[in-house]
Amino acid sequence: MDIGKTLGILILSLGCFSAVGQKYETTRNTSFMETVDADARIFVWHHFLSDDECDYIRQKAEKRLERSGVVDTGNGGSQISDIRTSDGMFFARAEDEVIEAIEKRLSDWTLTPVHAGEGLQVLRYRKDQKYDAHWDYFFDKVNSVNGGNRYATVLMYLAAADDGGETVFPKVPAPNGINADFSDCAKYSLAVKPKKGDAILFHSMNATGELEERSMHGACPVLKGEKWSMTKWIHGSHYYMGGDKYDLQNQEYTRLLNVFKAGGNHANGTFSALCNVQSYSSRKCRSGRILSGTQHDVDSESSERVLQASKITLVA
């Protein structure tokens, strides 16, 4: 399957497809997709998170922050390094209703099931804190055992710094040779300025499953104020997290899928159960199509549901 084409179909189905560098607003006016680089498959969904969601996540995460680590490429463990100077923490998957709603929205946008993602990571960058350019793709043999390698990343902004803190892609040149009004760190490469509620989607793998070199990215130093972000790393297959809700859903889905493939008198009932377990779009369930891989589609009806998913009472 051509993953790039699949993603293009998704964007078309949401009614948000745009040419490179252009923006096309949805009928909701406040939320729209921007194609930052079509060839490298880098996209921004503006206003992906509501202000209330951003504030709630920051408040919930702040008391749990610790110094961020990086992957030791030798043994696959975590270590403290000056390469990354932020503070961070991880949420459990489906930790509460707000987090679960965001995870389902991410699943629909990226065409990946929720059980392929790691827990959401929240990061805080204060003045001069940064993360040097790196790939999310694993080069050690330890980290790719669980769920395969990282396929895609969604980076969401919970709060923007007053100056600096851009997300930069050093393997992709700036569209016009230079980015005016960006910090020196982001001036000559493709870069995105943080904006509260916006989300960047980029892919660590190309269509053949190999490293997408243009996915190298970094967090420029914050020059003034604070930046808060939240990351979802998505693997090529089921990412196991100790038997949590999504692990159990995947286990049940796998069992039901085998029953459905076997056919017989219970096939129709099994199909309905598959739809319920995996939260497939209603159009797919009506059409009678099931995908056995890690990708599913989104129709206009489910995209409306996704855009409304944040309408949850936020409780501290």
Protein backbone atom coordinates (compact mmCIF):
# COMPACT_ATOMS: atom_id res chain seq x y z
CA MET A 1 0.00 0.00 0.00
CA ASP A 2 1.25 3.50 -0.85
CA ILE A 3 1.04 5.20 2.54
CA GLY A 4 1.46 8.66 1.01
CA LYS A 5 -1.52 8.16 -1.28
CA THR A 6 -3.56 6.74 1.58
CA LEU A 7 -2.93 9.83 3.66
CA GLY A 8 -3.89 12.01 0.72
CA ILE A 9 -7.19 10.15 0.45
CA LEU A 10 -7.80 10.75 4.13
CA ILE A 11 -7.25 14.47 3.81
CA LEU A 12 -9.58 14.60 0.81
CA SER A 13 -12.22 12.71 2.76
CA LEU A 14 -12.04 15.28 5.54
CA GLY A 15 -12.57 18.06 3.01
CA CYS A 16 -9.35 19.75 4.05
CA PHE A 17 -6.90 18.97 1.25
CA SER A 18 -4.72 21.86 0.16
CA ALA A 19 -1.89 22.44 -2.27
CA VAL A 20 1.58 22.85 -0.81
CA GLY A 21 1.80 26.04 1.22
CA GLN A 22 -1.90 26.82 0.78
CA LYS A 23 -4.63 26.62 3.36
CA TYR A 24 -8.19 25.49 2.91
CA GLU A 25 -10.57 26.14 5.78
CA THR A 26 -13.26 23.66 6.67
CA THR A 27 -16.85 24.68 7.15
CA ARG A 28 -16.10 24.82 10.89
CA ASN A 29 -13.85 27.86 10.20
CA THR A 30 -11.71 27.35 13.30
CA SER A 31 -10.03 24.11 12.21
CA PHE A 32 -8.14 23.57 8.96
CA MET A 33 -5.39 21.44 7.46
CA GLU A 34 -2.20 22.77 5.89
CA THR A 35 0.16 20.74 3.71
CA VAL A 36 3.62 21.87 4.80
CA ASP A 37 5.54 19.51 2.48
CA ALA A 38 3.58 16.99 0.39
CA ASP A 39 6.61 15.00 -0.75
CA ALA A 40 8.00 14.57 2.77
CA ARG A 41 4.44 14.06 4.06
CA ILE A 42 4.47 16.79 6.71
CA PHE A 43 1.09 18.29 7.63
CA VAL A 44 -0.29 20.74 10.19
CA TRP A 45 -3.82 20.57 11.56
CA HIS A 46 -4.53 24.03 12.94
CA HIS A 47 -6.69 24.09 16.10
CA PHE A 48 -6.48 20.31 16.48
CA LEU A 49 -6.83 20.77 20.25
CA SER A 50 -9.17 23.19 21.97
CA ASP A 51 -7.81 25.78 24.39
CA ASP A 52 -9.57 23.95 27.23
CA GLU A 53 -7.88 20.68 26.28
CA CYS A 54 -4.46 22.37 26.16
CA ASP A 55 -4.93 23.99 29.57
CA TYR A 56 -6.27 20.80 31.13
CA ILE A 57 -3.35 18.69 29.87
CA ARG A 58 -0.78 21.23 31.09
CA GLN A 59 -2.36 21.39 34.55
CA LYS A 60 -2.59 17.61 34.80
CA ALA A 61 1.01 17.08 33.63
CA GLU A 62 2.87 19.83 35.47
CA LYS A 63 3.16 18.12 38.86
CA ARG A 64 4.59 14.99 37.21
CA LEU A 65 7.35 16.60 35.14
CA GLU A 66 10.92 15.26 35.29
CA ARG A 67 14.07 15.90 33.27
CA SER A 68 13.60 14.44 29.78
CA GLY A 69 15.84 11.64 28.55
CA VAL A 70 16.97 10.38 25.15
CA VAL A 71 17.32 6.86 23.75
CA ASP A 72 20.72 5.23 24.20
CA THR A 73 21.31 3.84 20.71
CA GLY A 74 23.68 1.24 22.13
CA ASN A 75 21.40 -0.57 24.58
CA GLY A 76 17.99 0.98 23.84
CA GLY A 77 17.64 2.43 27.35
CA SER A 78 17.04 6.04 28.39
CA GLN A 79 19.75 8.47 29.41
CA ILE A 80 20.07 12.15 30.33
CA SER A 81 21.84 14.24 27.69
CA ASP A 82 22.44 17.89 26.82
CA ILE A 83 20.96 17.03 23.43
CA ARG A 84 17.56 17.35 25.12
CA THR A 85 17.09 19.77 27.99
CA SER A 86 13.30 19.87 28.45
CA ASP A 87 11.20 18.45 31.28
CA GLY A 88 8.62 15.80 30.48
CA MET A 89 6.20 13.09 31.60
CA PHE A 90 4.05 10.32 30.12
CA PHE A 91 0.34 9.70 30.48
CA ALA A 92 -1.06 6.19 30.49
CA ARG A 93 -3.14 5.44 27.41
CA ALA A 94 -6.82 6.27 28.03
CA GLU A 95 -5.84 7.70 31.42
CA ASP A 96 -9.03 9.74 31.52
CA GLU A 97 -11.87 10.78 29.20
CA VAL A 98 -10.06 13.83 27.81
CA ILE A 99 -6.90 11.88 26.96
CA GLU A 100 -8.94 9.04 25.45
CA ALA A 101 -10.87 11.47 23.23
CA ILE A 102 -7.60 12.99 21.96
CA GLU A 103 -6.12 9.54 21.29
CA LYS A 104 -9.16 8.52 19.25
CA ARG A 105 -8.97 11.76 17.26
CA LEU A 106 -5.29 11.09 16.56
CA SER A 107 -6.16 7.56 15.48
CA ASP A 108 -8.70 8.81 12.95
CA TRP A 109 -6.37 11.47 11.52
CA THR A 110 -3.35 9.18 11.11
CA LEU A 111 -5.22 6.10 9.85
CA THR A 112 -3.76 4.03 12.67
CA PRO A 113 -5.47 2.19 15.55
CA VAL A 114 -5.13 3.58 19.05
CA HIS A 115 -3.25 0.47 20.18
CA ALA A 116 -0.35 1.30 17.80
CA GLY A 117 0.51 4.43 19.78
CA GLU A 118 2.65 4.97 22.85
CA GLY A 119 1.29 6.97 25.78
CA LEU A 120 1.10 10.71 25.23
CA GLN A 121 4.24 12.56 26.33
CA VAL A 122 4.04 16.16 27.57
CA LEU A 123 7.13 18.39 27.37
CA ARG A 124 7.90 21.82 28.85
CA TYR A 125 10.64 24.00 27.37
CA ARG A 126 11.82 27.04 29.34
CA LYS A 127 14.27 29.71 28.17
CA ASP A 128 17.24 28.20 26.29
CA GLN A 129 15.86 24.66 26.53
CA LYS A 130 15.80 22.70 23.28
CA TYR A 131 16.03 19.30 21.60
CA ASP A 132 18.71 18.93 18.95
CA ALA A 133 17.82 17.47 15.54
CA HIS A 134 17.08 13.75 15.67
CA TRP A 135 14.95 10.98 14.21
CA ASP A 136 12.12 9.29 16.11
CA TYR A 137 12.95 6.13 14.12
CA PHE A 138 14.83 3.55 16.22
CA PHE A 139 18.27 2.33 15.16
CA ASP A 140 18.72 -0.15 18.03
CA LYS A 141 17.18 -3.62 18.07
CA VAL A 142 15.61 -3.31 21.52
CA ASN A 143 13.01 -0.56 21.08
CA SER A 144 11.63 -1.82 17.78
CA VAL A 145 10.71 -5.24 19.24
CA ASN A 146 7.51 -3.84 20.77
CA GLY A 147 5.21 -2.74 17.93
CA GLY A 148 7.90 -2.56 15.27
CA ASN A 149 9.58 0.74 14.52
CA ARG A 150 7.95 4.14 14.84
CA TYR A 151 5.89 4.90 11.76
CA ALA A 152 4.67 8.44 12.44
CA THR A 153 4.72 11.22 15.02
CA VAL A 154 2.10 13.81 15.92
CA LEU A 155 3.46 16.82 17.80
CA MET A 156 0.83 19.04 19.43
CA TYR A 157 1.42 22.50 20.89
CA LEU A 158 -0.16 23.16 24.29
CA ALA A 159 1.38 26.63 24.70
CA ALA A 160 3.64 28.72 22.46
CA ALA A 161 6.78 30.53 23.55
CA ASP A 162 6.89 34.30 23.08
CA ASP A 163 9.95 33.83 20.87
CA GLY A 164 11.81 30.80 19.50
CA GLY A 165 10.86 27.18 20.08
CA GLU A 166 10.08 26.38 16.45
CA THR A 167 9.96 22.80 15.20
CA VAL A 168 12.59 22.53 12.47
CA PHE A 169 13.21 19.89 9.78
CA PRO A 170 16.89 20.38 8.82
CA LYS A 171 16.79 17.84 5.96
CA VAL A 172 14.17 19.97 4.15
CA PRO A 173 15.17 23.46 2.94
CA ALA A 174 13.02 26.48 3.72
CA PRO A 175 10.40 26.84 0.92
CA ASN A 176 11.67 30.27 -0.17
CA GLY A 177 15.27 29.82 0.91
CA ILE A 178 14.74 31.68 4.18
CA ASN A 179 12.02 31.93 6.84
CA ALA A 180 11.44 35.55 7.71
CA ASP A 181 10.63 36.32 11.36
CA PHE A 182 11.93 32.94 12.55
CA SER A 183 14.77 32.43 15.02
CA ASP A 184 18.26 31.72 13.63
CA CYS A 185 17.80 28.01 14.44
CA ALA A 186 14.84 27.77 12.05
CA LYS A 187 15.71 30.37 9.44
CA TYR A 188 17.04 28.19 6.59
CA SER A 189 15.14 24.90 6.95
CA LEU A 190 11.50 23.91 6.80
CA ALA A 191 10.07 24.96 10.15
CA VAL A 192 6.77 25.42 11.97
CA LYS A 193 6.09 28.08 14.58
CA PRO A 194 4.37 26.82 17.72
CA LYS A 195 0.74 27.86 18.08
CA LYS A 196 -1.51 26.71 20.89
CA GLY A 197 -3.77 23.88 19.71
CA ASP A 198 -1.95 23.16 16.43
CA ALA A 199 -0.60 19.69 15.60
CA ILE A 200 2.14 18.53 13.20
CA LEU A 201 2.00 15.09 11.58
CA PHE A 202 5.17 13.68 10.02
CA HIS A 203 6.33 10.18 9.09
CA SER A 204 9.45 8.37 10.25
CA MET A 205 9.00 5.65 7.62
CA ASN A 206 8.65 5.97 3.87
CA ALA A 207 6.24 3.87 1.81
CA THR A 208 8.63 0.88 1.87
CA GLY A 209 8.99 0.89 5.67
CA GLU A 210 12.52 2.32 5.62
CA LEU A 211 13.77 5.44 7.38
CA GLU A 212 12.33 8.68 5.98
CA GLU A 213 15.42 10.85 6.33
CA ARG A 214 13.43 14.08 5.94
CA SER A 215 11.65 13.30 9.21
CA MET A 216 14.74 14.48 11.11
CA HIS A 217 13.47 17.29 13.36
CA GLY A 218 14.45 19.37 16.34
CA ALA A 219 13.00 21.79 18.87
CA CYS A 220 14.72 25.17 18.58
CA PRO A 221 15.77 26.87 21.82
CA VAL A 222 13.09 28.93 23.53
CA LEU A 223 14.27 32.54 23.51
CA LYS A 224 11.47 34.03 25.60
CA GLY A 225 8.64 32.53 27.64
CA GLU A 226 7.73 28.83 27.83
CA LYS A 227 6.68 26.25 25.25
CA TRP A 228 4.56 23.23 26.06
CA SER A 229 4.07 20.37 23.62
CA MET A 230 2.59 16.88 23.59
CA THR A 231 3.83 13.99 21.45
CA LYS A 232 2.17 10.81 20.20
CA TRP A 233 4.57 8.24 18.73
CA ILE A 234 2.84 5.69 16.50
CA HIS A 235 4.34 2.29 15.67
CA GLY A 236 3.86 0.06 12.66
CA SER A 237 1.78 -2.45 14.62
CA HIS A 238 0.31 -3.06 18.08
CA TYR A 239 2.36 -1.39 20.82
CA TYR A 240 1.95 -3.36 24.06
CA MET A 241 1.62 -1.38 27.31
CA GLY A 242 1.21 -3.94 30.06
CA GLY A 243 -2.33 -5.12 29.34
CA ASP A 244 -4.12 -1.76 29.32
CA LYS A 245 -7.52 -1.05 27.79
CA TYR A 246 -6.18 -0.82 24.23
CA ASP A 247 -4.13 -4.02 24.63
CA LEU A 248 -7.28 -5.88 25.64
CA GLN A 249 -9.22 -4.35 22.75
CA ASN A 250 -6.55 -5.50 20.32
CA GLN A 251 -6.59 -8.99 21.84
CA GLU A 252 -10.36 -9.20 21.42
CA TYR A 253 -10.18 -7.72 17.92
CA THR A 254 -7.61 -10.33 16.86
CA ARG A 255 -9.80 -13.13 18.20
CA LEU A 256 -12.92 -11.81 16.47
CA LEU A 257 -11.04 -11.22 13.23
CA ASN A 258 -9.98 -14.85 13.11
CA VAL A 259 -13.59 -15.92 13.66
CA PHE A 260 -14.79 -13.55 10.95
CA LYS A 261 -12.19 -14.78 8.46
CA ALA A 262 -13.26 -18.35 9.15
CA GLY A 263 -16.81 -17.40 8.08
CA GLY A 264 -19.78 -19.54 8.96
CA ASN A 265 -23.11 -18.77 10.60
CA HIS A 266 -21.69 -16.22 13.02
CA ALA A 267 -19.88 -14.03 10.44
CA ASN A 268 -22.41 -11.18 10.46
CA GLY A 269 -22.55 -10.97 14.24
CA THR A 270 -18.76 -11.12 14.42
CA PHE A 271 -18.49 -8.25 11.97
CA SER A 272 -20.68 -6.06 14.17
CA ALA A 273 -18.53 -6.95 17.16
CA LEU A 274 -15.39 -6.04 15.22
CA CYS A 275 -16.81 -2.61 14.46
CA ASN A 276 -17.60 -2.06 18.13
CA VAL A 277 -14.20 -3.23 19.39
CA GLN A 278 -12.09 -1.32 16.89
CA SER A 279 -14.31 1.79 16.58
CA TYR A 280 -14.39 1.67 12.80
CA SER A 281 -16.17 4.42 10.90
CA SER A 282 -19.85 3.80 10.24
CA ARG A 283 -19.29 3.86 6.47
CA LYS A 284 -16.84 0.98 6.70
CA CYS A 285 -19.25 -1.04 8.85
CA ARG A 286 -22.10 -0.40 6.43
CA SER A 287 -19.96 -1.42 3.48
CA GLY A 288 -18.93 -4.67 5.15
CA ARG A 289 -15.17 -4.07 4.79
CA ILE A 290 -12.63 -4.95 7.47
CA LEU A 291 -8.93 -4.20 7.33
CA SER A 292 -6.65 -6.69 9.04
CA GLY A 293 -3.67 -4.32 9.07
CA THR A 294 -3.02 -1.19 11.10
CA GLN A 295 -4.89 1.35 8.97
CA HIS A 296 -8.51 2.38 8.76
CA ASP A 297 -10.40 5.12 6.98
CA VAL A 298 -12.45 8.09 8.08
CA ASP A 299 -15.58 9.41 6.43
CA SER A 300 -17.26 12.79 6.76
CA GLU A 301 -19.60 11.52 9.46
CA SER A 302 -16.79 10.29 11.69
CA SER A 303 -14.70 13.41 11.06
CA GLU A 304 -17.55 15.48 12.47
CA ARG A 305 -17.52 13.17 15.49
CA VAL A 306 -13.76 13.66 15.79
CA LEU A 307 -14.00 17.44 15.66
CA GLN A 308 -16.65 17.31 18.39
CA ALA A 309 -14.70 14.87 20.58
CA SER A 310 -13.34 17.63 22.83
CA LYS A 311 -16.81 18.60 24.07
CA ILE A 312 -16.14 17.04 27.45
CA THR A 313 -16.46 18.79 30.81
CA LEU A 314 -12.90 19.51 31.90
CA VAL A 315 -12.31 18.81 35.59
CA ALA A 316 -9.04 19.63 37.33
